Amino acid sequence: MAEIDGMFILRRSGRLKSGAAFSLGGVSGLTALEKLGGGWEVEVRNGSRIVVARGGSASTHEDARDQALRMANAGLDLLSIKGSADLAIADAVDSHFVWWPSAEGTVLRESSVVTLTASLEAKVTVTDAQGNVVPPPRQGRQKWDESFMYFRRAQLTDDLFEAFRNVYLALESLLSQIAPPRPGEREFDWLNRALLEVHERVVKLDPFAPPAKDNPSAPVTKNISKARNAVFHAKGSRNHFMPHDWADRTKVSEALAGMVRLYLRIAESHLQLRRSSSGLFAGGFRLLTEHLDSALVIHVTDDTRPFDPDQSTINPGGGRVLSLATRPTPELDQPFVRYFRGRVSLTSPSGLTRLTRTVATIDGTPAFASVVDGQLTLSGFDWFEAQMGIRARNQGAPRAAYVA
């Protein structure tokens, strides 16, 4: 029987079920098991930073992950409303274990992403005709604006939906200066008029949505209003986004990214905002990582020595190491994220029965690792897969990844 921190994740008796294990934002102070509908169970253990959701009927990674995330959050909701504990899942997108039955046997997949911050610095010296250095012009003071307060809160929060709300408020605050609302004007009408004035007087909206012939602001207004209504409201009879739902989170993340770009572009022009940033183009990131297609190999180990980034070996404590057949997964890549996936059979005599960390090497040198947050045993699984991602974040770029 496979377990993580004493909570079973796979039993051979009866029909094989799918499920997932996610990290919590803190250590659970109680042991609890919530039985939900459809055979689902959600479990936490005292002293563990893991929540397990099991009992699904999925036969693919995506379905198993999506189902389990919804049910894990539902179980934590029940613990909260009962007054038992207030716990939250942290970094579900970038870090989780998912299992499901497939035609080839039972599969356990670990997903992890490492984020690298890129920064470029250049120094320019200006001289006059005689070769004397011309000092740079003095920078004026940046005037504070109320919208900055909301934008900063969006950068500080770990919650995706809270970030969306604050960026919308930042945009709303800024637009209300450019086009103050009129008495009795409906919210949608005001937003459309304000964006039209932005398009005519501040910045063109063409990069943010295909312009309509009769009203250049209409497509942008529609996109923002659709996402805003789904995030700000929760009427059961109307479309609304759920933090539990993987697809909804993806839609909110995409809408948030577009709204951040719009707010900063308007602020730069209307407020003479000077926001420092440097780093890579998406194409540059791709060029810098192309060699990883053949150089990166994923390994797993049961080594018990604590992870030390100064170590030059995968298993400094002498634990067993298995190398996974690794390939790039371009179907998952994003402009600043590259993914790789490795696979290994656990049914051979050399198969691991315990996993402590997953390590990616580049040309044989350990480059980055994912450390298991808990005690994980693998008994009963036929295959182990590791999906590891590399994300680049430009220095000074707005936040794009949220863990809650």
Protein backbone atom coordinates (compact mmCIF):
# COMPACT_ATOMS: atom_id res chain seq x y z
CA MET A 1 0.00 0.00 0.00
CA ALA A 2 1.39 3.39 -1.01
CA GLU A 3 1.23 6.16 1.59
CA ILE A 4 2.26 9.75 2.15
CA ASP A 5 2.72 10.82 5.77
CA GLY A 6 0.72 7.77 6.85
CA MET A 7 -2.26 8.57 4.59
CA PHE A 8 -2.86 5.88 1.99
CA ILE A 9 -2.89 6.96 -1.64
CA LEU A 10 -3.33 3.58 -3.30
CA ARG A 11 -4.87 0.31 -2.18
CA ARG A 12 -4.86 -2.85 -4.27
CA SER A 13 -8.11 -4.12 -2.79
CA GLY A 14 -11.21 -3.26 -4.80
CA ARG A 15 -11.41 -0.98 -7.82
CA LEU A 16 -8.39 1.25 -8.30
CA LYS A 17 -9.16 4.91 -7.68
CA SER A 18 -7.54 8.17 -8.77
CA GLY A 19 -6.56 11.03 -6.51
CA ALA A 20 -3.94 13.60 -5.61
CA ALA A 21 -1.85 14.97 -2.75
CA PHE A 22 -1.30 18.72 -2.41
CA SER A 23 0.88 20.77 -0.09
CA LEU A 24 -0.71 22.89 2.62
CA GLY A 25 0.35 26.41 3.47
CA GLY A 26 1.13 25.28 7.01
CA VAL A 27 1.28 22.21 9.22
CA SER A 28 -2.04 20.61 10.09
CA GLY A 29 -2.77 20.65 13.80
CA LEU A 30 -5.24 17.77 13.68
CA THR A 31 -5.95 14.41 12.09
CA ALA A 32 -9.23 14.37 10.21
CA LEU A 33 -11.01 12.41 7.50
CA GLU A 34 -13.91 13.96 5.59
CA LYS A 35 -16.08 11.54 3.59
CA LEU A 36 -17.65 13.29 0.61
CA GLY A 37 -20.12 12.16 -2.02
CA GLY A 38 -19.24 9.71 -4.78
CA GLY A 39 -16.78 7.74 -2.69
CA TRP A 40 -14.37 10.65 -2.17
CA GLU A 41 -12.32 11.03 0.99
CA VAL A 42 -10.18 13.99 2.05
CA GLU A 43 -7.60 13.44 4.78
CA VAL A 44 -5.11 15.51 6.78
CA ARG A 45 -2.74 14.34 9.51
CA ASN A 46 -1.49 16.11 12.61
CA GLY A 47 2.03 17.39 11.95
CA SER A 48 1.79 16.96 8.17
CA ARG A 49 1.81 19.63 5.46
CA ILE A 50 -0.13 17.40 3.04
CA VAL A 51 -3.80 17.00 2.17
CA VAL A 52 -4.88 13.87 0.31
CA ALA A 53 -8.01 13.58 -1.83
CA ARG A 54 -8.79 10.06 -3.10
CA GLY A 55 -11.69 8.15 -4.62
CA GLY A 56 -11.89 9.51 -8.17
CA SER A 57 -12.77 7.70 -11.37
CA ALA A 58 -10.35 9.51 -13.67
CA SER A 59 -8.14 7.68 -16.16
CA THR A 60 -5.91 10.63 -17.16
CA HIS A 61 -3.57 12.92 -15.26
CA GLU A 62 -5.54 16.07 -16.06
CA ASP A 63 -8.91 14.66 -14.99
CA ALA A 64 -7.46 13.11 -11.84
CA ARG A 65 -5.76 16.37 -10.88
CA ASP A 66 -8.82 18.54 -11.58
CA GLN A 67 -11.22 16.27 -9.71
CA ALA A 68 -8.92 15.92 -6.73
CA LEU A 69 -8.26 19.64 -6.39
CA ARG A 70 -11.98 20.38 -6.24
CA MET A 71 -12.59 17.67 -3.65
CA ALA A 72 -9.54 18.54 -1.54
CA ASN A 73 -10.75 22.13 -1.28
CA ALA A 74 -14.27 20.97 -0.52
CA GLY A 75 -12.94 18.84 2.35
CA LEU A 76 -10.95 21.78 3.73
CA ASP A 77 -14.09 23.95 3.44
CA LEU A 78 -15.94 21.46 5.63
CA LEU A 79 -13.16 21.44 8.23
CA SER A 80 -13.30 25.23 8.32
CA ILE A 81 -17.07 25.62 8.61
CA LYS A 82 -17.11 23.02 11.42
CA GLY A 83 -14.51 25.03 13.30
CA SER A 84 -12.01 22.15 13.18
CA ALA A 85 -9.21 23.86 11.26
CA ASP A 86 -8.59 26.61 8.73
CA LEU A 87 -6.18 25.16 6.18
CA ALA A 88 -5.30 26.19 2.64
CA ILE A 89 -3.67 24.45 -0.30
CA ALA A 90 -0.46 26.16 -1.40
CA ASP A 91 1.00 26.09 -4.89
CA ALA A 92 -1.36 23.49 -6.34
CA VAL A 93 -0.39 24.43 -9.91
CA ASP A 94 3.35 24.04 -9.50
CA SER A 95 3.57 21.24 -6.93
CA HIS A 96 1.44 18.11 -6.52
CA PHE A 97 1.29 14.31 -6.75
CA VAL A 98 -1.45 12.75 -8.89
CA TRP A 99 -2.28 9.07 -9.39
CA TRP A 100 -4.65 7.21 -11.69
CA PRO A 101 -5.18 3.74 -13.22
CA SER A 102 -4.15 3.42 -16.88
CA ALA A 103 -4.11 0.64 -19.45
CA GLU A 104 -0.42 0.07 -18.63
CA GLY A 105 -0.95 -0.03 -14.87
CA THR A 106 -1.18 2.42 -11.99
CA VAL A 107 0.70 5.70 -12.46
CA LEU A 108 1.96 8.21 -9.90
CA ARG A 109 3.12 11.54 -11.31
CA GLU A 110 4.92 14.29 -9.43
CA SER A 111 4.76 17.83 -10.82
CA SER A 112 7.12 20.62 -9.81
CA VAL A 113 8.35 23.94 -11.23
CA VAL A 114 11.48 25.92 -10.40
CA THR A 115 11.43 29.68 -11.00
CA LEU A 116 14.55 31.58 -12.07
CA THR A 117 14.73 35.38 -12.03
CA ALA A 118 16.46 36.92 -15.04
CA SER A 119 18.14 40.30 -14.77
CA LEU A 120 20.22 42.23 -17.29
CA GLU A 121 22.14 45.40 -16.50
CA ALA A 122 23.62 47.89 -18.91
CA LYS A 123 25.45 51.15 -18.23
CA VAL A 124 25.40 53.95 -20.81
CA THR A 125 27.83 56.88 -20.64
CA VAL A 126 27.05 60.05 -22.56
CA THR A 127 29.87 62.46 -23.53
CA ASP A 128 29.88 65.86 -25.17
CA ALA A 129 31.91 66.88 -28.22
CA GLN A 130 35.01 67.38 -26.06
CA GLY A 131 34.72 63.92 -24.52
CA ASN A 132 33.47 65.13 -21.16
CA VAL A 133 30.99 62.87 -19.38
CA VAL A 134 27.51 64.38 -19.37
CA PRO A 135 25.71 63.61 -16.10
CA PRO A 136 22.31 61.96 -16.50
CA PRO A 137 19.27 64.21 -16.11
CA ARG A 138 17.78 64.36 -12.64
CA GLN A 139 14.72 62.22 -12.20
CA GLY A 140 11.66 63.97 -10.87
CA ARG A 141 9.68 62.56 -8.00
CA GLN A 142 7.05 59.98 -8.82
CA LYS A 143 3.69 61.23 -7.67
CA TRP A 144 1.74 58.76 -5.55
CA ASP A 145 -1.55 57.55 -6.95
CA GLU A 146 -4.33 55.70 -5.15
CA SER A 147 -4.26 52.94 -7.76
CA PHE A 148 -0.71 52.03 -6.66
CA MET A 149 -2.11 50.80 -3.35
CA TYR A 150 -4.31 48.20 -5.03
CA PHE A 151 -1.58 47.15 -7.43
CA ARG A 152 0.87 46.54 -4.57
CA ARG A 153 -1.68 44.40 -2.74
CA ALA A 154 -2.02 42.26 -5.87
CA GLN A 155 1.74 41.73 -5.89
CA LEU A 156 1.85 40.77 -2.21
CA THR A 157 -1.04 38.32 -1.98
CA ASP A 158 -0.60 34.61 -2.66
CA ASP A 159 -4.26 34.29 -3.67
CA LEU A 160 -5.01 34.42 -7.40
CA PHE A 161 -8.60 35.63 -7.02
CA GLU A 162 -7.61 38.31 -4.50
CA ALA A 163 -4.92 39.49 -6.91
CA PHE A 164 -7.50 39.77 -9.69
CA ARG A 165 -9.82 41.85 -7.50
CA ASN A 166 -7.05 44.24 -6.52
CA VAL A 167 -5.76 44.71 -10.07
CA TYR A 168 -9.30 45.45 -11.20
CA LEU A 169 -9.62 48.04 -8.41
CA ALA A 170 -6.29 49.56 -9.49
CA LEU A 171 -7.58 49.83 -13.06
CA GLU A 172 -10.94 51.17 -11.88
CA SER A 173 -9.23 53.81 -9.74
CA LEU A 174 -7.09 54.96 -12.66
CA LEU A 175 -9.93 55.01 -15.18
CA SER A 176 -12.12 57.04 -12.83
CA GLN A 177 -9.52 59.82 -13.02
CA ILE A 178 -9.51 59.79 -16.81
CA ALA A 179 -13.30 59.51 -17.17
CA PRO A 180 -15.19 60.19 -13.91
CA PRO A 181 -18.47 58.24 -13.68
CA ARG A 182 -21.62 60.20 -14.47
CA PRO A 183 -24.64 60.20 -12.14
CA GLY A 184 -26.79 57.15 -12.80
CA GLU A 185 -24.34 55.66 -15.30
CA ARG A 186 -24.29 51.86 -15.30
CA GLU A 187 -20.99 50.16 -14.47
CA PHE A 188 -20.62 48.52 -17.88
CA ASP A 189 -21.43 51.74 -19.72
CA TRP A 190 -18.95 53.73 -17.64
CA LEU A 191 -16.18 51.16 -18.17
CA ASN A 192 -16.76 51.16 -21.91
CA ARG A 193 -16.77 54.99 -22.08
CA ALA A 194 -13.66 55.24 -19.89
CA LEU A 195 -11.75 52.77 -22.04
CA LEU A 196 -12.87 54.58 -25.18
CA GLU A 197 -11.43 57.82 -23.78
CA VAL A 198 -8.22 55.95 -22.97
CA HIS A 199 -8.05 54.71 -26.54
CA GLU A 200 -8.59 58.21 -27.92
CA ARG A 201 -6.45 60.23 -25.49
CA VAL A 202 -3.97 58.00 -23.63
CA VAL A 203 -2.98 54.70 -25.28
CA LYS A 204 -4.38 52.61 -28.11
CA LEU A 205 -6.24 49.48 -27.02
CA ASP A 206 -5.50 47.50 -30.17
CA PRO A 207 -2.81 45.29 -28.47
CA PHE A 208 -5.29 44.17 -25.79
CA ALA A 209 -8.15 42.90 -27.98
CA PRO A 210 -9.10 42.92 -31.68
CA PRO A 211 -10.71 46.35 -32.16
CA ALA A 212 -14.32 46.65 -33.21
CA LYS A 213 -15.01 49.00 -36.12
CA ASP A 214 -17.77 50.98 -34.43
CA ASN A 215 -16.30 50.97 -30.90
CA PRO A 216 -12.59 50.25 -30.34
CA SER A 217 -13.10 49.78 -26.59
CA ALA A 218 -15.97 47.28 -26.80
CA PRO A 219 -13.89 44.05 -26.99
CA VAL A 220 -11.68 45.08 -24.05
CA THR A 221 -14.73 46.14 -22.01
CA LYS A 222 -16.43 42.81 -22.73
CA ASN A 223 -13.39 40.74 -21.74
CA ILE A 224 -12.82 42.63 -18.48
CA SER A 225 -16.50 42.70 -17.51
CA LYS A 226 -16.96 38.99 -18.21
CA ALA A 227 -14.05 38.02 -15.97
CA ARG A 228 -14.91 40.60 -13.31
CA ASN A 229 -18.53 39.44 -12.98
CA ALA A 230 -17.45 35.81 -12.69
CA VAL A 231 -14.87 36.62 -9.97
CA PHE A 232 -16.81 39.24 -7.97
CA HIS A 233 -20.14 37.39 -7.83
CA ALA A 234 -21.26 33.95 -6.64
CA LYS A 235 -24.92 33.67 -7.61
CA GLY A 236 -25.62 30.00 -8.27
CA SER A 237 -27.89 30.81 -11.19
CA ARG A 238 -25.19 32.75 -13.03
CA ASN A 239 -21.75 31.99 -14.37
CA HIS A 240 -19.11 32.39 -11.66
CA PHE A 241 -15.54 31.28 -11.22
CA MET A 242 -14.58 28.89 -8.41
CA PRO A 243 -11.14 28.90 -6.75
CA HIS A 244 -11.54 25.09 -6.49
CA ASP A 245 -11.78 24.61 -10.25
CA TRP A 246 -8.61 24.16 -12.31
CA ALA A 247 -10.20 25.46 -15.53
CA ASP A 248 -11.62 28.51 -13.75
CA ARG A 249 -8.25 29.29 -12.22
CA THR A 250 -6.68 29.16 -15.68
CA LYS A 251 -9.24 31.64 -17.01
CA VAL A 252 -8.70 34.01 -14.08
CA SER A 253 -4.93 33.80 -14.49
CA GLU A 254 -5.16 34.67 -18.19
CA ALA A 255 -7.59 37.54 -17.54
CA LEU A 256 -5.38 38.85 -14.74
CA ALA A 257 -2.28 38.89 -16.95
CA GLY A 258 -4.09 40.91 -19.61
CA MET A 259 -5.48 43.36 -17.09
CA VAL A 260 -2.05 43.90 -15.49
CA ARG A 261 -0.57 44.76 -18.88
CA LEU A 262 -3.43 47.18 -19.56
CA TYR A 263 -3.17 48.91 -16.18
CA LEU A 264 0.60 49.37 -16.40
CA ARG A 265 0.40 50.66 -19.97
CA ILE A 266 -2.22 53.27 -19.03
CA ALA A 267 -0.33 54.21 -15.85
CA GLU A 268 2.92 54.66 -17.77
CA SER A 269 1.28 57.15 -20.11
CA HIS A 270 -1.25 58.89 -17.86
CA LEU A 271 0.89 59.11 -14.71
CA GLN A 272 4.32 59.19 -16.36
CA LEU A 273 5.05 56.00 -14.42
CA ARG A 274 8.65 54.83 -14.57
CA ARG A 275 8.70 51.12 -13.80
CA SER A 276 12.12 49.48 -13.95
CA SER A 277 12.45 46.03 -15.47
CA SER A 278 14.97 43.96 -17.36
CA GLY A 279 15.42 40.44 -18.56
CA LEU A 280 14.68 38.09 -21.42
CA PHE A 281 12.32 38.01 -24.35
CA ALA A 282 10.29 34.82 -24.61
CA GLY A 283 12.29 33.89 -27.71
CA GLY A 284 15.54 34.45 -25.85
CA PHE A 285 14.42 32.16 -23.05
CA ARG A 286 13.59 29.50 -25.62
CA LEU A 287 17.01 29.81 -27.26
CA LEU A 288 18.78 29.61 -23.90
CA THR A 289 16.95 26.40 -22.96
CA GLU A 290 16.97 24.55 -26.29
CA HIS A 291 20.05 22.55 -25.33
CA LEU A 292 18.13 21.08 -22.39
CA ASP A 293 16.13 18.93 -24.78
CA SER A 294 19.07 16.52 -24.93
CA ALA A 295 21.04 17.54 -21.83
CA LEU A 296 18.42 17.35 -19.07
CA VAL A 297 17.74 14.03 -17.34
CA ILE A 298 15.38 13.47 -14.40
CA HIS A 299 16.34 11.11 -11.57
CA VAL A 300 14.64 9.90 -8.39
CA THR A 301 16.24 8.73 -5.17
CA ASP A 302 15.36 7.30 -1.77
CA ASP A 303 18.41 8.97 -0.19
CA THR A 304 17.60 9.97 3.39
CA ARG A 305 20.24 12.65 3.88
CA PRO A 306 18.58 16.09 4.06
CA PHE A 307 18.69 18.05 0.83
CA ASP A 308 21.70 20.36 0.62
CA PRO A 309 22.02 22.61 -2.45
CA ASP A 310 25.80 22.68 -2.00
CA GLN A 311 26.04 18.94 -2.72
CA SER A 312 27.36 17.86 -6.11
CA THR A 313 25.76 14.40 -6.10
CA ILE A 314 22.15 13.22 -6.20
CA ASN A 315 22.53 10.80 -3.30
CA PRO A 316 25.20 12.03 -0.86
CA GLY A 317 23.89 9.59 1.74
CA GLY A 318 24.30 6.56 -0.53
CA GLY A 319 20.63 6.03 -1.37
CA ARG A 320 19.50 4.36 -4.56
CA VAL A 321 19.09 6.42 -7.72
CA LEU A 322 16.92 5.65 -10.73
CA SER A 323 17.31 7.60 -13.96
CA LEU A 324 14.08 8.29 -15.81
CA ALA A 325 13.60 8.19 -19.56
CA THR A 326 13.27 11.95 -20.04
CA ARG A 327 11.81 13.99 -22.88
CA PRO A 328 10.76 17.62 -23.42
CA THR A 329 7.00 18.20 -23.44
CA PRO A 330 6.45 21.14 -25.83
CA GLU A 331 2.70 20.59 -25.67
CA LEU A 332 2.81 22.01 -22.12
CA ASP A 333 5.28 24.85 -22.70
CA GLN A 334 4.35 28.49 -22.22
CA PRO A 335 6.24 31.64 -23.31
CA PHE A 336 8.45 31.64 -20.19
CA VAL A 337 8.02 28.04 -19.00
CA ARG A 338 9.56 24.82 -20.33
CA TYR A 339 8.48 21.37 -19.17
CA PHE A 340 10.23 17.99 -19.16
CA ARG A 341 8.83 14.60 -18.18
CA GLY A 342 10.54 11.43 -17.07
CA ARG A 343 9.15 7.92 -16.59
CA VAL A 344 10.37 4.75 -14.91
CA SER A 345 8.91 1.35 -14.09
CA LEU A 346 8.52 0.50 -10.42
CA THR A 347 7.80 -3.20 -10.99
CA SER A 348 11.38 -4.30 -11.65
CA PRO A 349 13.55 -5.58 -8.77
CA SER A 350 15.51 -2.30 -8.86
CA GLY A 351 12.35 -0.20 -8.43
CA LEU A 352 12.21 2.20 -5.52
CA THR A 353 9.75 1.67 -2.70
CA ARG A 354 10.32 5.10 -1.18
CA LEU A 355 10.86 8.54 -2.71
CA THR A 356 12.62 11.45 -0.99
CA ARG A 357 13.42 13.78 -3.88
CA THR A 358 13.47 14.19 -7.63
CA VAL A 359 16.56 15.72 -9.23
CA ALA A 360 17.20 17.12 -12.70
CA THR A 361 20.73 16.98 -14.03
CA ILE A 362 22.11 18.97 -16.94
CA ASP A 363 24.98 17.23 -18.70
CA GLY A 364 25.35 15.05 -15.60
CA THR A 365 25.50 17.88 -13.05
CA PRO A 366 22.63 18.22 -10.52
CA ALA A 367 20.80 21.45 -11.44
CA PHE A 368 17.59 21.59 -9.39
CA ALA A 369 15.50 19.30 -7.21
CA SER A 370 12.01 18.74 -5.89
CA VAL A 371 12.03 17.56 -2.29
CA VAL A 372 9.09 15.47 -1.08
CA ASP A 373 7.24 17.31 1.68
CA GLY A 374 6.50 14.22 3.76
CA GLN A 375 7.18 10.48 3.87
CA LEU A 376 6.21 8.87 0.54
CA THR A 377 6.13 5.12 -0.12
CA LEU A 378 5.44 3.74 -3.60
CA SER A 379 4.31 0.16 -3.01
CA GLY A 380 1.62 -0.86 -5.49
CA PHE A 381 2.37 1.59 -8.28
CA ASP A 382 3.52 0.30 -11.65
CA TRP A 383 4.93 3.55 -13.01
CA PHE A 384 6.40 6.73 -11.59
CA GLU A 385 6.49 9.92 -13.67
CA ALA A 386 8.12 13.23 -12.84
CA GLN A 387 7.11 16.39 -14.62
CA MET A 388 9.56 19.22 -13.96
CA GLY A 389 9.26 22.77 -15.24
CA ILE A 390 11.67 25.69 -15.53
CA ARG A 391 10.11 29.15 -15.36
CA ALA A 392 11.87 32.44 -16.06
CA ARG A 393 10.66 35.62 -14.39
CA ASN A 394 12.13 38.91 -15.48
CA GLN A 395 13.41 41.22 -12.77
CA GLY A 396 10.72 43.82 -12.05
CA ALA A 397 8.06 41.98 -14.02
CA PRO A 398 4.57 41.84 -12.47
CA ARG A 399 3.78 38.72 -10.56
CA ALA A 400 2.30 35.95 -12.70
CA ALA A 401 2.27 32.86 -10.44
CA TYR A 402 0.03 32.54 -7.37
CA VAL A 403 0.06 29.63 -4.97
CA ALA A 404 -3.47 29.87 -3.55
